[in-house]
C-alpha atoms as a PDB file:
ATOM      1  CA  MET A   1      16.795  -1.190 -11.880  1.00  0.00           C
ATOM      2  CA  ASP A   2      17.089   1.824 -14.123  1.00  0.00           C
ATOM      3  CA  LYS A   3      19.073   5.022 -13.628  1.00  0.00           C
ATOM      4  CA  THR A   4      16.096   6.963 -12.208  1.00  0.00           C
ATOM      5  CA  ASN A   5      15.430   4.328  -9.534  1.00  0.00           C
ATOM      6  CA  ALA A   6      19.125   4.058  -8.713  1.00  0.00           C
ATOM      7  CA  LEU A   7      19.357   7.821  -8.248  1.00  0.00           C
ATOM      8  CA  ALA A   8      16.315   7.761  -5.955  1.00  0.00           C
ATOM      9  CA  ALA A   9      17.926   4.995  -3.892  1.00  0.00           C
ATOM     10  CA  PHE A  10      21.229   6.857  -3.660  1.00  0.00           C
ATOM     11  CA  ALA A  11      19.439  10.066  -2.678  1.00  0.00           C
ATOM     12  CA  ALA A  12      17.552   8.203   0.047  1.00  0.00           C
ATOM     13  CA  LEU A  13      20.766   6.694   1.377  1.00  0.00           C
ATOM     14  CA  SER A  14      22.732   9.948   1.203  1.00  0.00           C
ATOM     15  CA  GLN A  15      21.671  11.124   4.674  1.00  0.00           C
ATOM     16  CA  PRO A  16      23.468   9.585   7.692  1.00  0.00           C
ATOM     17  CA  ALA A  17      20.370   8.636   9.730  1.00  0.00           C
ATOM     18  CA  ARG A  18      18.705   7.003   6.717  1.00  0.00           C
ATOM     19  CA  LEU A  19      21.851   5.068   5.843  1.00  0.00           C
ATOM     20  CA  ASP A  20      22.129   3.920   9.464  1.00  0.00           C
ATOM     21  CA  ALA A  21      18.450   2.907   9.501  1.00  0.00           C
ATOM     22  CA  PHE A  22      18.797   0.946   6.273  1.00  0.00           C
ATOM     23  CA  ARG A  23      21.877  -0.869   7.551  1.00  0.00           C
ATOM     24  CA  LEU A  24      20.045  -1.641  10.811  1.00  0.00           C
ATOM     25  CA  LEU A  25      17.123  -3.085   8.843  1.00  0.00           C
ATOM     26  CA  ILE A  26      19.469  -5.240   6.780  1.00  0.00           C
ATOM     27  CA  LYS A  27      20.888  -6.558  10.041  1.00  0.00           C
ATOM     28  CA  ALA A  28      17.391  -7.188  11.447  1.00  0.00           C
ATOM     29  CA  GLY A  29      16.547  -9.471   8.537  1.00  0.00           C
ATOM     30  CA  PRO A  30      13.087 -10.270   7.220  1.00  0.00           C
ATOM     31  CA  GLU A  31      11.457  -9.836  10.640  1.00  0.00           C
ATOM     32  CA  GLY A  32      12.184  -6.111  10.459  1.00  0.00           C
ATOM     33  CA  LEU A  33      11.770  -3.583  13.254  1.00  0.00           C
ATOM     34  CA  PRO A  34       9.124  -1.120  14.384  1.00  0.00           C
ATOM     35  CA  ALA A  35       9.850   2.579  13.823  1.00  0.00           C
ATOM     36  CA  GLY A  36      10.110   3.294  17.543  1.00  0.00           C
ATOM     37  CA  GLN A  37      12.794   0.658  18.033  1.00  0.00           C
ATOM     38  CA  ILE A  38      14.738   1.968  15.041  1.00  0.00           C
ATOM     39  CA  ALA A  39      14.565   5.499  16.445  1.00  0.00           C
ATOM     40  CA  THR A  40      15.647   4.374  19.920  1.00  0.00           C
ATOM     41  CA  THR A  41      18.512   2.237  18.612  1.00  0.00           C
ATOM     42  CA  LEU A  42      19.807   5.087  16.463  1.00  0.00           C
ATOM     43  CA  ASP A  43      19.144   7.758  19.110  1.00  0.00           C
ATOM     44  CA  GLN A  44      16.800   9.697  16.830  1.00  0.00           C
ATOM     45  CA  ARG A  45      13.475  11.425  17.492  1.00  0.00           C
ATOM     46  CA  GLN A  46      10.561   9.238  16.447  1.00  0.00           C
ATOM     47  CA  ASN A  47       8.966  11.810  14.136  1.00  0.00           C
ATOM     48  CA  THR A  48      12.308  12.430  12.411  1.00  0.00           C
ATOM     49  CA  MET A  49      12.886   8.696  11.990  1.00  0.00           C
ATOM     50  CA  SER A  50       9.372   8.223  10.622  1.00  0.00           C
ATOM     51  CA  ALA A  51      10.086  10.851   7.973  1.00  0.00           C
ATOM     52  CA  ASN A  52      13.394   9.166   7.119  1.00  0.00           C
ATOM     53  CA  LEU A  53      11.745   5.740   6.901  1.00  0.00           C
ATOM     54  CA  SER A  54       9.125   7.211   4.590  1.00  0.00           C
ATOM     55  CA  ILE A  55      11.871   8.429   2.262  1.00  0.00           C
ATOM     56  CA  LEU A  56      13.489   4.978   2.251  1.00  0.00           C
ATOM     57  CA  THR A  57      10.093   3.393   1.590  1.00  0.00           C
ATOM     58  CA  ASN A  58       9.333   5.781  -1.278  1.00  0.00           C
ATOM     59  CA  ALA A  59      12.713   4.912  -2.804  1.00  0.00           C
ATOM     60  CA  GLY A  60      11.736   1.229  -2.729  1.00  0.00           C
ATOM     61  CA  LEU A  61      14.498   0.245  -0.299  1.00  0.00           C
ATOM     62  CA  VAL A  62      12.181  -0.532   2.616  1.00  0.00           C
ATOM     63  CA  THR A  63       8.862  -2.356   2.884  1.00  0.00           C
ATOM     64  CA  THR A  64       6.241  -2.069   5.599  1.00  0.00           C
ATOM     65  CA  THR A  65       3.787  -4.442   7.212  1.00  0.00           C
ATOM     66  CA  ARG A  66       1.230  -3.693   9.887  1.00  0.00           C
ATOM     67  CA  GLN A  67       1.248  -5.752  13.079  1.00  0.00           C
ATOM     68  CA  GLY A  68      -1.600  -4.554  15.251  1.00  0.00           C
ATOM     69  CA  ARG A  69      -0.953  -0.880  15.904  1.00  0.00           C
ATOM     70  CA  SER A  70       2.690  -1.049  14.847  1.00  0.00           C
ATOM     71  CA  ILE A  71       4.242  -0.664  11.424  1.00  0.00           C
ATOM     72  CA  ILE A  72       7.184  -2.988  10.905  1.00  0.00           C
ATOM     73  CA  TYR A  73       9.907  -1.834   8.515  1.00  0.00           C
ATOM     74  CA  SER A  74      12.130  -4.279   6.639  1.00  0.00           C
ATOM     75  CA  ALA A  75      14.936  -3.848   4.135  1.00  0.00           C
ATOM     76  CA  HIS A  76      13.680  -4.752   0.663  1.00  0.00           C
ATOM     77  CA  MET A  77      16.459  -7.109  -0.361  1.00  0.00           C
ATOM     78  CA  PRO A  78      15.406  -7.358  -4.037  1.00  0.00           C
ATOM     79  CA  ALA A  79      15.840  -3.565  -4.263  1.00  0.00           C
ATOM     80  CA  LEU A  80      19.317  -3.826  -2.756  1.00  0.00           C
ATOM     81  CA  ARG A  81      20.194  -6.551  -5.226  1.00  0.00           C
ATOM     82  CA  GLY A  82      18.800  -4.399  -8.032  1.00  0.00           C
ATOM     83  CA  LEU A  83      20.937  -1.459  -6.949  1.00  0.00           C
ATOM     84  CA  LEU A  84      24.057  -3.598  -6.777  1.00  0.00           C
ATOM     85  CA  SER A  85      23.250  -5.147 -10.145  1.00  0.00           C
ATOM     86  CA  PHE A  86      22.778  -1.680 -11.649  1.00  0.00           C
ATOM     87  CA  LEU A  87      26.221  -0.660 -10.397  1.00  0.00           C
ATOM     88  CA  MET A  88      27.814  -3.791 -11.796  1.00  0.00           C
ATOM     89  CA  GLU A  89      25.878  -4.203 -15.049  1.00  0.00           C
ATOM     90  CA  ASP A  90      28.882  -3.325 -17.196  1.00  0.00           C
ATOM     91  CA  CYS A  91      31.507  -5.060 -15.091  1.00  0.00           C
ATOM     92  CA  CYS A  92      33.863  -7.703 -16.318  1.00  0.00           C
ATOM     93  CA  GLY A  93      34.288  -6.162 -19.737  1.00  0.00           C
ATOM     94  CA  GLY A  94      30.555  -6.065 -20.413  1.00  0.00           C
ATOM     95  CA  ALA A  95      29.869  -9.613 -19.212  1.00  0.00           C
ATOM     96  CA  PRO A  96      27.731  -9.006 -16.102  1.00  0.00           C
ATOM     97  CA  GLU A  97      26.853 -12.694 -15.843  1.00  0.00           C
ATOM     98  CA  ALA A  98      30.411 -13.212 -14.619  1.00  0.00           C
ATOM     99  CA  CYS A  99      29.540 -11.088 -11.585  1.00  0.00           C
ATOM    100  CA  GLU A 100      26.380 -13.022 -10.662  1.00  0.00           C
ATOM    101  CA  PRO A 101      28.225 -15.272  -8.178  1.00  0.00           C
ATOM    102  CA  LEU A 102      29.532 -12.148  -6.447  1.00  0.00           C
ATOM    103  CA  LEU A 103      26.055 -10.609  -6.269  1.00  0.00           C
ATOM    104  CA  ASP A 104      24.688 -13.848  -4.876  1.00  0.00           C
ATOM    105  CA  THR A 105      27.150 -13.671  -1.997  1.00  0.00           C
ATOM    106  CA  LEU A 106      26.441  -9.970  -1.363  1.00  0.00           C
ATOM    107  CA  THR A 107      22.661 -10.278  -1.065  1.00  0.00           C
ATOM    108  CA  CYS A 108      20.862 -12.928   0.849  1.00  0.00           C
ATOM    109  CA  SER A 109      17.638 -14.535  -0.285  1.00  0.00           C
ATOM    110  CA  CYS A 110      15.775 -13.500   2.855  1.00  0.00           C
END
């Protein structure tokens, strides 16, 4: 991940409802959740949550799949790993490979 993508991800996560939605999607795992369920769980209006999910999707943090008439949102775990890797790329005195075990424990392979 480069600086531009990292800034887009941080901007997307900088609003409370979007951060809550992203954390909820991480918890939901690869099965994801429909927008209506996300809105209900977070006590948000559906149109507001749809706009927030669009911002997260445009930042690359969330993916979508269509199931019938529903759109299912899922956290894009490779993007999360990329963001964490970007933050830690100069850790350990410039030896980021030393941090790989830590990143592996922070992000699942789901």
